[in-house]
């Protein structure tokens, strides 16, 4: 086996379901075409006032996450900086683009007001709706070598496809699932993709469908880890796994009376998924240890591995 955390994760059989960043429904992606450090924003070389403002956004906007992006299509006007703002809740997801004159302009930008407007389906001065699916591919090798080794080939290939907008991005979490990528506006995260997956992936994105839930779907970032896993396992067993968008999710811890044998299952959640046709799908998922160890990232020591697994309901 090689020296990559991705290989160790595959070797121990770590599940991919439920591994996306959780409870995140606002994505703030600022174009910065320079070297990224392991801690991309703080080690970016951006002016300190800009760094401070970027770090403040998630504190002011619940569920928000900041990314740096580069290498996207030539959509920006010369001398301008792209800021993508995506709202990825179950209802009315959307992405808009702002063209800032400089990075410093982000300091005075009313991002909270923009997110509120976007959530309400209202216009915001200077914000242009993005009509193509947006794909952010993690290529931050300074954070973990797996992201560069497996992410860059995926980005280079995806960047040539029509019908989508593709960017390189900083840390998305889960280096061991590399290549990992985020699809906006829905906020769906994928991992462990190969070059042969990209044409059907792009076709799914164009059709508004979910790709390969049985092996590549990490989860929808607006959901908890348990709800992500429940959706993955539902789609993997469904007759039409890619269709039927979710409109509502409810979850509860499994009680003693629910559990088989009269005793509670620890770390067990019952999730009810409602699709766009009004049908409900109940899935019970449990987080448990695999009894094996692997490195969570290339720079860390090996640790016990756990994952989300489906239980009979």
C-alpha atoms as a PDB file:
ATOM      1  CA  UNK A   1       0.000   0.000   0.000  1.00  0.00           C
ATOM      2  CA  UNK A   2       1.226   3.544  -0.774  1.00  0.00           C
ATOM      3  CA  UNK A   3       1.701   6.383   1.713  1.00  0.00           C
ATOM      4  CA  UNK A   4      -1.594   8.209   1.106  1.00  0.00           C
ATOM      5  CA  UNK A   5      -4.448   8.510   3.595  1.00  0.00           C
ATOM      6  CA  UNK A   6      -6.867   7.884   0.726  1.00  0.00           C
ATOM      7  CA  UNK A   7      -5.402   4.428   0.223  1.00  0.00           C
ATOM      8  CA  UNK A   8      -5.646   3.616   3.931  1.00  0.00           C
ATOM      9  CA  UNK A   9      -9.289   4.677   3.992  1.00  0.00           C
ATOM     10  CA  UNK A  10     -10.069   2.401   1.063  1.00  0.00           C
ATOM     11  CA  UNK A  11      -8.055  -0.440   2.598  1.00  0.00           C
ATOM     12  CA  UNK A  12     -10.033  -0.433   5.856  1.00  0.00           C
ATOM     13  CA  UNK A  13     -13.361  -0.048   4.063  1.00  0.00           C
ATOM     14  CA  UNK A  14     -14.325   3.340   5.489  1.00  0.00           C
ATOM     15  CA  UNK A  15     -17.859   4.254   4.320  1.00  0.00           C
ATOM     16  CA  UNK A  16     -18.252   7.428   2.307  1.00  0.00           C
ATOM     17  CA  UNK A  17     -21.902   8.050   3.259  1.00  0.00           C
ATOM     18  CA  UNK A  18     -22.388  10.895   5.700  1.00  0.00           C
ATOM     19  CA  UNK A  19     -18.815  12.190   5.369  1.00  0.00           C
ATOM     20  CA  UNK A  20     -19.487  15.652   3.882  1.00  0.00           C
ATOM     21  CA  UNK A  21     -19.213  18.806   5.960  1.00  0.00           C
ATOM     22  CA  UNK A  22     -22.516  19.008   7.853  1.00  0.00           C
ATOM     23  CA  UNK A  23     -25.102  21.700   8.605  1.00  0.00           C
ATOM     24  CA  UNK A  24     -23.626  24.065   6.003  1.00  0.00           C
ATOM     25  CA  UNK A  25     -26.028  25.765   3.616  1.00  0.00           C
ATOM     26  CA  UNK A  26     -24.166  28.947   2.640  1.00  0.00           C
ATOM     27  CA  UNK A  27     -21.036  28.851   0.478  1.00  0.00           C
ATOM     28  CA  UNK A  28     -18.930  31.982   0.031  1.00  0.00           C
ATOM     29  CA  UNK A  29     -16.248  31.377  -2.597  1.00  0.00           C
ATOM     30  CA  UNK A  30     -13.787  34.192  -3.313  1.00  0.00           C
ATOM     31  CA  UNK A  31     -11.478  34.085  -6.330  1.00  0.00           C
ATOM     32  CA  UNK A  32      -7.801  34.283  -5.355  1.00  0.00           C
ATOM     33  CA  UNK A  33      -5.348  33.190  -8.020  1.00  0.00           C
ATOM     34  CA  UNK A  34      -2.294  32.780  -5.803  1.00  0.00           C
ATOM     35  CA  UNK A  35      -0.680  30.066  -3.700  1.00  0.00           C
ATOM     36  CA  UNK A  36      -2.781  28.590  -0.882  1.00  0.00           C
ATOM     37  CA  UNK A  37      -1.374  27.515   2.440  1.00  0.00           C
ATOM     38  CA  UNK A  38      -2.648  24.645   4.570  1.00  0.00           C
ATOM     39  CA  UNK A  39      -4.903  27.158   6.336  1.00  0.00           C
ATOM     40  CA  UNK A  40      -5.934  28.793   3.114  1.00  0.00           C
ATOM     41  CA  UNK A  41      -7.471  32.073   4.236  1.00  0.00           C
ATOM     42  CA  UNK A  42      -5.071  32.931   7.058  1.00  0.00           C
ATOM     43  CA  UNK A  43      -2.023  31.865   5.014  1.00  0.00           C
ATOM     44  CA  UNK A  44      -3.223  33.345   1.721  1.00  0.00           C
ATOM     45  CA  UNK A  45      -1.246  36.589   1.698  1.00  0.00           C
ATOM     46  CA  UNK A  46      -4.470  38.567   1.344  1.00  0.00           C
ATOM     47  CA  UNK A  47      -4.516  41.937   3.165  1.00  0.00           C
ATOM     48  CA  UNK A  48      -5.208  41.402   6.851  1.00  0.00           C
ATOM     49  CA  UNK A  49      -8.442  43.418   6.700  1.00  0.00           C
ATOM     50  CA  UNK A  50      -9.730  41.022   4.027  1.00  0.00           C
ATOM     51  CA  UNK A  51      -8.640  37.960   6.001  1.00  0.00           C
ATOM     52  CA  UNK A  52     -10.385  39.296   9.105  1.00  0.00           C
ATOM     53  CA  UNK A  53     -13.589  39.913   7.163  1.00  0.00           C
ATOM     54  CA  UNK A  54     -13.591  36.485   5.532  1.00  0.00           C
ATOM     55  CA  UNK A  55     -13.138  34.860   8.930  1.00  0.00           C
ATOM     56  CA  UNK A  56     -15.999  36.958  10.315  1.00  0.00           C
ATOM     57  CA  UNK A  57     -18.559  35.905   7.700  1.00  0.00           C
ATOM     58  CA  UNK A  58     -19.241  32.413   9.167  1.00  0.00           C
ATOM     59  CA  UNK A  59     -19.620  33.962  12.621  1.00  0.00           C
ATOM     60  CA  UNK A  60     -22.271  36.342  11.353  1.00  0.00           C
ATOM     61  CA  UNK A  61     -24.074  33.957   9.001  1.00  0.00           C
ATOM     62  CA  UNK A  62     -25.183  30.622  10.520  1.00  0.00           C
ATOM     63  CA  UNK A  63     -24.258  27.642   8.363  1.00  0.00           C
ATOM     64  CA  UNK A  64     -21.779  29.598   6.222  1.00  0.00           C
ATOM     65  CA  UNK A  65     -18.381  28.428   4.982  1.00  0.00           C
ATOM     66  CA  UNK A  66     -15.698  30.391   3.136  1.00  0.00           C
ATOM     67  CA  UNK A  67     -13.700  28.927   0.249  1.00  0.00           C
ATOM     68  CA  UNK A  68     -10.975  30.369  -1.940  1.00  0.00           C
ATOM     69  CA  UNK A  69     -11.276  29.467  -5.624  1.00  0.00           C
ATOM     70  CA  UNK A  70      -9.166  29.864  -8.753  1.00  0.00           C
ATOM     71  CA  UNK A  71      -8.819  28.685 -12.321  1.00  0.00           C
ATOM     72  CA  UNK A  72     -12.453  29.071 -13.229  1.00  0.00           C
ATOM     73  CA  UNK A  73     -13.865  30.021 -16.620  1.00  0.00           C
ATOM     74  CA  UNK A  74     -13.039  33.441 -17.994  1.00  0.00           C
ATOM     75  CA  UNK A  75     -16.291  34.955 -16.812  1.00  0.00           C
ATOM     76  CA  UNK A  76     -14.850  37.865 -14.837  1.00  0.00           C
ATOM     77  CA  UNK A  77     -14.147  41.184 -16.448  1.00  0.00           C
ATOM     78  CA  UNK A  78     -10.462  42.145 -16.610  1.00  0.00           C
ATOM     79  CA  UNK A  79      -9.306  43.509 -13.296  1.00  0.00           C
ATOM     80  CA  UNK A  80     -12.244  42.136 -11.314  1.00  0.00           C
ATOM     81  CA  UNK A  81     -12.541  39.421  -8.658  1.00  0.00           C
ATOM     82  CA  UNK A  82     -15.324  36.830  -8.610  1.00  0.00           C
ATOM     83  CA  UNK A  83     -17.282  36.106  -5.447  1.00  0.00           C
ATOM     84  CA  UNK A  84     -19.724  33.209  -5.698  1.00  0.00           C
ATOM     85  CA  UNK A  85     -22.463  33.059  -3.070  1.00  0.00           C
ATOM     86  CA  UNK A  86     -24.429  29.842  -2.909  1.00  0.00           C
ATOM     87  CA  UNK A  87     -27.433  29.027  -0.732  1.00  0.00           C
ATOM     88  CA  UNK A  88     -27.854  25.266  -0.554  1.00  0.00           C
ATOM     89  CA  UNK A  89     -30.908  24.604   1.576  1.00  0.00           C
ATOM     90  CA  UNK A  90     -33.544  22.096   0.484  1.00  0.00           C
ATOM     91  CA  UNK A  91     -35.866  24.899  -0.633  1.00  0.00           C
ATOM     92  CA  UNK A  92     -34.933  27.172  -3.534  1.00  0.00           C
ATOM     93  CA  UNK A  93     -31.148  26.650  -3.720  1.00  0.00           C
ATOM     94  CA  UNK A  94     -29.308  29.180  -5.845  1.00  0.00           C
ATOM     95  CA  UNK A  95     -25.950  30.715  -6.729  1.00  0.00           C
ATOM     96  CA  UNK A  96     -25.096  34.300  -7.644  1.00  0.00           C
ATOM     97  CA  UNK A  97     -21.893  35.960  -8.797  1.00  0.00           C
ATOM     98  CA  UNK A  98     -20.533  39.320  -7.765  1.00  0.00           C
ATOM     99  CA  UNK A  99     -17.702  40.999  -9.639  1.00  0.00           C
ATOM    100  CA  UNK A 100     -15.632  42.940  -7.138  1.00  0.00           C
ATOM    101  CA  UNK A 101     -13.097  45.545  -8.282  1.00  0.00           C
ATOM    102  CA  UNK A 102     -10.549  44.309  -5.712  1.00  0.00           C
ATOM    103  CA  UNK A 103     -10.296  41.816  -2.870  1.00  0.00           C
ATOM    104  CA  UNK A 104     -10.482  44.758  -0.484  1.00  0.00           C
ATOM    105  CA  UNK A 105     -14.027  45.444  -1.698  1.00  0.00           C
ATOM    106  CA  UNK A 106     -15.138  42.321   0.184  1.00  0.00           C
ATOM    107  CA  UNK A 107     -14.553  44.145   3.469  1.00  0.00           C
ATOM    108  CA  UNK A 108     -17.500  46.502   2.946  1.00  0.00           C
ATOM    109  CA  UNK A 109     -19.780  44.002   1.229  1.00  0.00           C
ATOM    110  CA  UNK A 110     -23.109  43.266   2.938  1.00  0.00           C
ATOM    111  CA  UNK A 111     -22.848  39.485   2.588  1.00  0.00           C
ATOM    112  CA  UNK A 112     -25.473  38.892   5.285  1.00  0.00           C
ATOM    113  CA  UNK A 113     -27.979  40.979   3.361  1.00  0.00           C
ATOM    114  CA  UNK A 114     -27.082  39.185   0.149  1.00  0.00           C
ATOM    115  CA  UNK A 115     -27.649  35.772   1.729  1.00  0.00           C
ATOM    116  CA  UNK A 116     -30.981  36.897   3.175  1.00  0.00           C
ATOM    117  CA  UNK A 117     -32.074  38.152  -0.237  1.00  0.00           C
ATOM    118  CA  UNK A 118     -30.960  34.972  -1.949  1.00  0.00           C
ATOM    119  CA  UNK A 119     -32.831  32.811   0.553  1.00  0.00           C
ATOM    120  CA  UNK A 120     -35.974  34.843  -0.121  1.00  0.00           C
ATOM    121  CA  UNK A 121     -35.552  34.715  -3.889  1.00  0.00           C
ATOM    122  CA  UNK A 122     -35.043  38.467  -4.065  1.00  0.00           C
ATOM    123  CA  UNK A 123     -32.628  40.445  -6.228  1.00  0.00           C
ATOM    124  CA  UNK A 124     -29.500  42.020  -4.737  1.00  0.00           C
ATOM    125  CA  UNK A 125     -27.727  44.931  -6.363  1.00  0.00           C
ATOM    126  CA  UNK A 126     -24.737  43.715  -8.362  1.00  0.00           C
ATOM    127  CA  UNK A 127     -25.489  39.999  -7.974  1.00  0.00           C
ATOM    128  CA  UNK A 128     -25.843  37.988 -11.203  1.00  0.00           C
ATOM    129  CA  UNK A 129     -27.664  34.630 -11.099  1.00  0.00           C
ATOM    130  CA  UNK A 130     -25.463  31.702 -12.130  1.00  0.00           C
ATOM    131  CA  UNK A 131     -27.534  29.421 -14.320  1.00  0.00           C
ATOM    132  CA  UNK A 132     -25.032  26.597 -14.841  1.00  0.00           C
ATOM    133  CA  UNK A 133     -24.176  24.017 -12.163  1.00  0.00           C
ATOM    134  CA  UNK A 134     -21.034  25.087 -10.302  1.00  0.00           C
ATOM    135  CA  UNK A 135     -18.429  22.470  -9.379  1.00  0.00           C
ATOM    136  CA  UNK A 136     -15.693  23.202  -6.845  1.00  0.00           C
ATOM    137  CA  UNK A 137     -12.884  20.611  -6.851  1.00  0.00           C
ATOM    138  CA  UNK A 138     -10.529  20.546  -3.868  1.00  0.00           C
ATOM    139  CA  UNK A 139      -6.922  20.781  -5.082  1.00  0.00           C
ATOM    140  CA  UNK A 140      -5.265  22.175  -1.947  1.00  0.00           C
ATOM    141  CA  UNK A 141      -2.156  20.010  -1.780  1.00  0.00           C
ATOM    142  CA  UNK A 142      -0.713  22.128   1.035  1.00  0.00           C
ATOM    143  CA  UNK A 143      -3.549  20.914   3.246  1.00  0.00           C
ATOM    144  CA  UNK A 144      -3.214  17.298   2.116  1.00  0.00           C
ATOM    145  CA  UNK A 145      -1.268  15.749  -0.744  1.00  0.00           C
ATOM    146  CA  UNK A 146      -4.198  13.538  -1.726  1.00  0.00           C
ATOM    147  CA  UNK A 147      -6.210  16.605  -2.765  1.00  0.00           C
ATOM    148  CA  UNK A 148      -3.591  17.660  -5.301  1.00  0.00           C
ATOM    149  CA  UNK A 149      -2.733  14.158  -6.519  1.00  0.00           C
ATOM    150  CA  UNK A 150      -6.330  13.105  -7.191  1.00  0.00           C
ATOM    151  CA  UNK A 151      -8.086  16.469  -7.354  1.00  0.00           C
ATOM    152  CA  UNK A 152      -6.040  18.201 -10.040  1.00  0.00           C
ATOM    153  CA  UNK A 153      -6.634  15.562 -12.760  1.00  0.00           C
ATOM    154  CA  UNK A 154     -10.368  15.723 -12.049  1.00  0.00           C
ATOM    155  CA  UNK A 155     -10.400  19.515 -12.213  1.00  0.00           C
ATOM    156  CA  UNK A 156      -8.349  19.595 -15.415  1.00  0.00           C
ATOM    157  CA  UNK A 157     -10.800  17.239 -17.083  1.00  0.00           C
ATOM    158  CA  UNK A 158     -13.993  18.835 -15.752  1.00  0.00           C
ATOM    159  CA  UNK A 159     -12.830  22.310 -16.771  1.00  0.00           C
ATOM    160  CA  UNK A 160     -13.203  21.259 -20.415  1.00  0.00           C
ATOM    161  CA  UNK A 161     -16.884  20.321 -20.168  1.00  0.00           C
ATOM    162  CA  UNK A 162     -19.635  22.582 -21.453  1.00  0.00           C
ATOM    163  CA  UNK A 163     -22.722  23.193 -19.389  1.00  0.00           C
ATOM    164  CA  UNK A 164     -20.990  23.538 -16.015  1.00  0.00           C
ATOM    165  CA  UNK A 165     -18.738  26.076 -14.308  1.00  0.00           C
ATOM    166  CA  UNK A 166     -15.711  24.459 -12.665  1.00  0.00           C
ATOM    167  CA  UNK A 167     -13.191  25.931 -10.201  1.00  0.00           C
ATOM    168  CA  UNK A 168     -10.362  24.698  -8.042  1.00  0.00           C
ATOM    169  CA  UNK A 169     -11.047  25.252  -4.362  1.00  0.00           C
ATOM    170  CA  UNK A 170      -9.522  25.000  -0.917  1.00  0.00           C
ATOM    171  CA  UNK A 171     -10.206  22.410   1.777  1.00  0.00           C
ATOM    172  CA  UNK A 172     -13.668  20.795   1.593  1.00  0.00           C
ATOM    173  CA  UNK A 173     -12.980  18.258   4.343  1.00  0.00           C
ATOM    174  CA  UNK A 174     -12.310  14.545   4.022  1.00  0.00           C
ATOM    175  CA  UNK A 175      -8.966  14.408   2.185  1.00  0.00           C
ATOM    176  CA  UNK A 176      -9.055  10.616   2.471  1.00  0.00           C
ATOM    177  CA  UNK A 177     -12.072  10.595   0.134  1.00  0.00           C
ATOM    178  CA  UNK A 178     -10.147  12.477  -2.566  1.00  0.00           C
ATOM    179  CA  UNK A 179     -10.885  13.589  -5.139  1.00  0.00           C
ATOM    180  CA  UNK A 180     -13.631  15.443  -3.315  1.00  0.00           C
ATOM    181  CA  UNK A 181     -15.826  18.042  -4.929  1.00  0.00           C
ATOM    182  CA  UNK A 182     -18.850  20.195  -4.165  1.00  0.00           C
ATOM    183  CA  UNK A 183     -21.726  20.830  -6.560  1.00  0.00           C
ATOM    184  CA  UNK A 184     -23.740  24.035  -6.213  1.00  0.00           C
ATOM    185  CA  UNK A 185     -26.410  25.179  -5.817  1.00  0.00           C
ATOM    186  CA  UNK A 186     -27.624  21.970  -4.165  1.00  0.00           C
ATOM    187  CA  UNK A 187     -24.544  21.612  -1.947  1.00  0.00           C
ATOM    188  CA  UNK A 188     -23.998  17.956  -2.853  1.00  0.00           C
ATOM    189  CA  UNK A 189     -20.545  16.581  -2.079  1.00  0.00           C
ATOM    190  CA  UNK A 190     -18.918  13.684  -3.944  1.00  0.00           C
ATOM    191  CA  UNK A 191     -15.717  11.746  -3.410  1.00  0.00           C
ATOM    192  CA  UNK A 192     -13.530   8.943  -4.799  1.00  0.00           C
ATOM    193  CA  UNK A 193     -14.413   9.780  -8.395  1.00  0.00           C
ATOM    194  CA  UNK A 194     -12.413   8.586 -11.370  1.00  0.00           C
ATOM    195  CA  UNK A 195     -11.947  10.156 -14.766  1.00  0.00           C
ATOM    196  CA  UNK A 196     -14.452   7.700 -16.243  1.00  0.00           C
ATOM    197  CA  UNK A 197     -17.102   9.085 -13.888  1.00  0.00           C
ATOM    198  CA  UNK A 198     -16.964  12.626 -15.176  1.00  0.00           C
ATOM    199  CA  UNK A 199     -19.102  12.391 -18.288  1.00  0.00           C
ATOM    200  CA  UNK A 200     -22.029  10.727 -16.445  1.00  0.00           C
ATOM    201  CA  UNK A 201     -21.493  13.099 -13.509  1.00  0.00           C
ATOM    202  CA  UNK A 202     -21.822  16.141 -15.768  1.00  0.00           C
ATOM    203  CA  UNK A 203     -24.879  14.598 -17.403  1.00  0.00           C
ATOM    204  CA  UNK A 204     -26.437  14.148 -13.948  1.00  0.00           C
ATOM    205  CA  UNK A 205     -25.642  17.742 -13.036  1.00  0.00           C
ATOM    206  CA  UNK A 206     -27.266  19.026 -16.205  1.00  0.00           C
ATOM    207  CA  UNK A 207     -30.355  16.887 -15.504  1.00  0.00           C
ATOM    208  CA  UNK A 208     -30.581  17.942 -11.854  1.00  0.00           C
ATOM    209  CA  UNK A 209     -29.995  14.377 -10.709  1.00  0.00           C
ATOM    210  CA  UNK A 210     -27.777  12.796  -8.045  1.00  0.00           C
ATOM    211  CA  UNK A 211     -24.818  10.763  -9.313  1.00  0.00           C
ATOM    212  CA  UNK A 212     -23.721   7.296  -8.112  1.00  0.00           C
ATOM    213  CA  UNK A 213     -25.155   7.318  -4.566  1.00  0.00           C
ATOM    214  CA  UNK A 214     -24.005   3.729  -4.046  1.00  0.00           C
ATOM    215  CA  UNK A 215     -20.295   4.653  -4.153  1.00  0.00           C
ATOM    216  CA  UNK A 216     -19.545   8.368  -4.726  1.00  0.00           C
ATOM    217  CA  UNK A 217     -22.124  10.409  -2.803  1.00  0.00           C
ATOM    218  CA  UNK A 218     -20.722  11.782   0.464  1.00  0.00           C
ATOM    219  CA  UNK A 219     -23.762  13.822   1.362  1.00  0.00           C
ATOM    220  CA  UNK A 220     -25.764  17.016   1.080  1.00  0.00           C
ATOM    221  CA  UNK A 221     -24.039  19.666   3.183  1.00  0.00           C
ATOM    222  CA  UNK A 222     -27.160  21.353   4.565  1.00  0.00           C
ATOM    223  CA  UNK A 223     -27.985  18.111   6.423  1.00  0.00           C
ATOM    224  CA  UNK A 224     -26.503  16.519   9.521  1.00  0.00           C
ATOM    225  CA  UNK A 225     -24.110  13.613   9.038  1.00  0.00           C
ATOM    226  CA  UNK A 226     -26.845  11.151  10.012  1.00  0.00           C
ATOM    227  CA  UNK A 227     -29.334  12.629   7.547  1.00  0.00           C
ATOM    228  CA  UNK A 228     -26.674  12.647   4.820  1.00  0.00           C
ATOM    229  CA  UNK A 229     -26.079   8.951   5.397  1.00  0.00           C
ATOM    230  CA  UNK A 230     -29.814   8.230   5.379  1.00  0.00           C
ATOM    231  CA  UNK A 231     -30.220   9.938   2.014  1.00  0.00           C
ATOM    232  CA  UNK A 232     -27.256   8.067   0.578  1.00  0.00           C
ATOM    233  CA  UNK A 233     -28.605   4.684   1.713  1.00  0.00           C
ATOM    234  CA  UNK A 234     -32.118   5.505   0.493  1.00  0.00           C
ATOM    235  CA  UNK A 235     -30.857   6.535  -2.942  1.00  0.00           C
ATOM    236  CA  UNK A 236     -28.535   3.535  -3.188  1.00  0.00           C
ATOM    237  CA  UNK A 237     -31.519   1.218  -2.734  1.00  0.00           C
ATOM    238  CA  UNK A 238     -34.066   3.208  -4.785  1.00  0.00           C
ATOM    239  CA  UNK A 239     -35.292   2.216  -8.220  1.00  0.00           C
ATOM    240  CA  UNK A 240     -34.465   5.712  -9.511  1.00  0.00           C
ATOM    241  CA  UNK A 241     -31.529   6.681  -7.272  1.00  0.00           C
ATOM    242  CA  UNK A 242     -30.686   9.919  -9.034  1.00  0.00           C
ATOM    243  CA  UNK A 243     -34.116  11.534  -9.146  1.00  0.00           C
ATOM    244  CA  UNK A 244     -36.731  12.648  -6.636  1.00  0.00           C
ATOM    245  CA  UNK A 245     -35.204  15.718  -5.028  1.00  0.00           C
ATOM    246  CA  UNK A 246     -35.615  16.069  -1.266  1.00  0.00           C
ATOM    247  CA  UNK A 247     -37.910  18.773   0.101  1.00  0.00           C
ATOM    248  CA  UNK A 248     -37.890  17.960   3.827  1.00  0.00           C
ATOM    249  CA  UNK A 249     -35.890  15.951   6.361  1.00  0.00           C
ATOM    250  CA  UNK A 250     -36.753  15.083   9.951  1.00  0.00           C
ATOM    251  CA  UNK A 251     -34.669  13.059  12.372  1.00  0.00           C
ATOM    252  CA  UNK A 252     -34.809  11.744  15.905  1.00  0.00           C
ATOM    253  CA  UNK A 253     -32.635   9.587  18.098  1.00  0.00           C
ATOM    254  CA  UNK A 254     -33.847   6.024  18.289  1.00  0.00           C
ATOM    255  CA  UNK A 255     -35.645   5.408  21.567  1.00  0.00           C
ATOM    256  CA  UNK A 256     -35.551   2.306  23.745  1.00  0.00           C
ATOM    257  CA  UNK A 257     -38.982   1.202  22.533  1.00  0.00           C
ATOM    258  CA  UNK A 258     -37.854   1.441  18.888  1.00  0.00           C
ATOM    259  CA  UNK A 259     -34.741  -0.647  19.261  1.00  0.00           C
ATOM    260  CA  UNK A 260     -34.716  -4.344  18.447  1.00  0.00           C
ATOM    261  CA  UNK A 261     -34.298  -6.546  21.507  1.00  0.00           C
ATOM    262  CA  UNK A 262     -35.608  -3.879  23.873  1.00  0.00           C
ATOM    263  CA  UNK A 263     -32.346  -1.954  24.277  1.00  0.00           C
ATOM    264  CA  UNK A 264     -31.293   1.303  22.643  1.00  0.00           C
ATOM    265  CA  UNK A 265     -28.783   1.401  19.843  1.00  0.00           C
ATOM    266  CA  UNK A 266     -26.092   3.986  20.633  1.00  0.00           C
ATOM    267  CA  UNK A 267     -25.439   6.663  18.006  1.00  0.00           C
ATOM    268  CA  UNK A 268     -28.547   5.615  16.118  1.00  0.00           C
ATOM    269  CA  UNK A 269     -30.833   8.050  14.293  1.00  0.00           C
ATOM    270  CA  UNK A 270     -34.179   7.544  12.570  1.00  0.00           C
ATOM    271  CA  UNK A 271     -34.436   9.842   9.557  1.00  0.00           C
ATOM    272  CA  UNK A 272     -37.587  10.612   7.567  1.00  0.00           C
ATOM    273  CA  UNK A 273     -36.946  11.906   4.056  1.00  0.00           C
ATOM    274  CA  UNK A 274     -39.726  13.561   2.034  1.00  0.00           C
ATOM    275  CA  UNK A 275     -39.278  13.828  -1.721  1.00  0.00           C
ATOM    276  CA  UNK A 276     -40.726  16.272  -4.197  1.00  0.00           C
ATOM    277  CA  UNK A 277     -43.645  13.981  -4.972  1.00  0.00           C
ATOM    278  CA  UNK A 278     -44.724  13.896  -1.326  1.00  0.00           C
ATOM    279  CA  UNK A 279     -43.501  10.357  -0.649  1.00  0.00           C
ATOM    280  CA  UNK A 280     -41.700   9.667   2.636  1.00  0.00           C
ATOM    281  CA  UNK A 281     -38.777   7.314   3.122  1.00  0.00           C
ATOM    282  CA  UNK A 282     -37.722   6.267   6.628  1.00  0.00           C
ATOM    283  CA  UNK A 283     -34.153   5.142   7.156  1.00  0.00           C
ATOM    284  CA  UNK A 284     -32.399   4.208  10.384  1.00  0.00           C
ATOM    285  CA  UNK A 285     -28.642   4.790  10.462  1.00  0.00           C
ATOM    286  CA  UNK A 286     -26.042   4.059  13.104  1.00  0.00           C
ATOM    287  CA  UNK A 287     -22.510   5.337  13.536  1.00  0.00           C
ATOM    288  CA  UNK A 288     -20.169   2.613  14.689  1.00  0.00           C
ATOM    289  CA  UNK A 289     -16.505   1.717  14.757  1.00  0.00           C
ATOM    290  CA  UNK A 290     -14.977  -0.540  12.128  1.00  0.00           C
ATOM    291  CA  UNK A 291     -12.450  -1.967  14.571  1.00  0.00           C
ATOM    292  CA  UNK A 292      -9.565  -0.778  12.409  1.00  0.00           C
ATOM    293  CA  UNK A 293      -7.260   2.224  12.301  1.00  0.00           C
ATOM    294  CA  UNK A 294      -6.191   4.560   9.509  1.00  0.00           C
ATOM    295  CA  UNK A 295      -4.908   8.096   9.156  1.00  0.00           C
ATOM    296  CA  UNK A 296      -7.683  10.693   8.752  1.00  0.00           C
ATOM    297  CA  UNK A 297      -5.223  12.731   6.686  1.00  0.00           C
ATOM    298  CA  UNK A 298      -1.704  12.170   5.420  1.00  0.00           C
ATOM    299  CA  UNK A 299      -0.129  14.398   8.082  1.00  0.00           C
ATOM    300  CA  UNK A 300      -1.890  12.778  11.052  1.00  0.00           C
ATOM    301  CA  UNK A 301      -1.365   9.603  13.042  1.00  0.00           C
ATOM    302  CA  UNK A 302      -3.608   6.595  12.573  1.00  0.00           C
ATOM    303  CA  UNK A 303      -6.830   6.638  14.588  1.00  0.00           C
ATOM    304  CA  UNK A 304      -9.879   4.364  14.969  1.00  0.00           C
ATOM    305  CA  UNK A 305     -12.168   4.503  11.945  1.00  0.00           C
ATOM    306  CA  UNK A 306     -15.953   4.792  12.222  1.00  0.00           C
ATOM    307  CA  UNK A 307     -18.756   5.226   9.723  1.00  0.00           C
ATOM    308  CA  UNK A 308     -22.498   5.411   9.227  1.00  0.00           C
ATOM    309  CA  UNK A 309     -24.335   2.162   8.469  1.00  0.00           C
ATOM    310  CA  UNK A 310     -27.995   1.442   7.694  1.00  0.00           C
ATOM    311  CA  UNK A 311     -30.143  -0.570  10.100  1.00  0.00           C
ATOM    312  CA  UNK A 312     -33.407  -2.319   9.377  1.00  0.00           C
ATOM    313  CA  UNK A 313     -36.473  -0.195  10.209  1.00  0.00           C
END
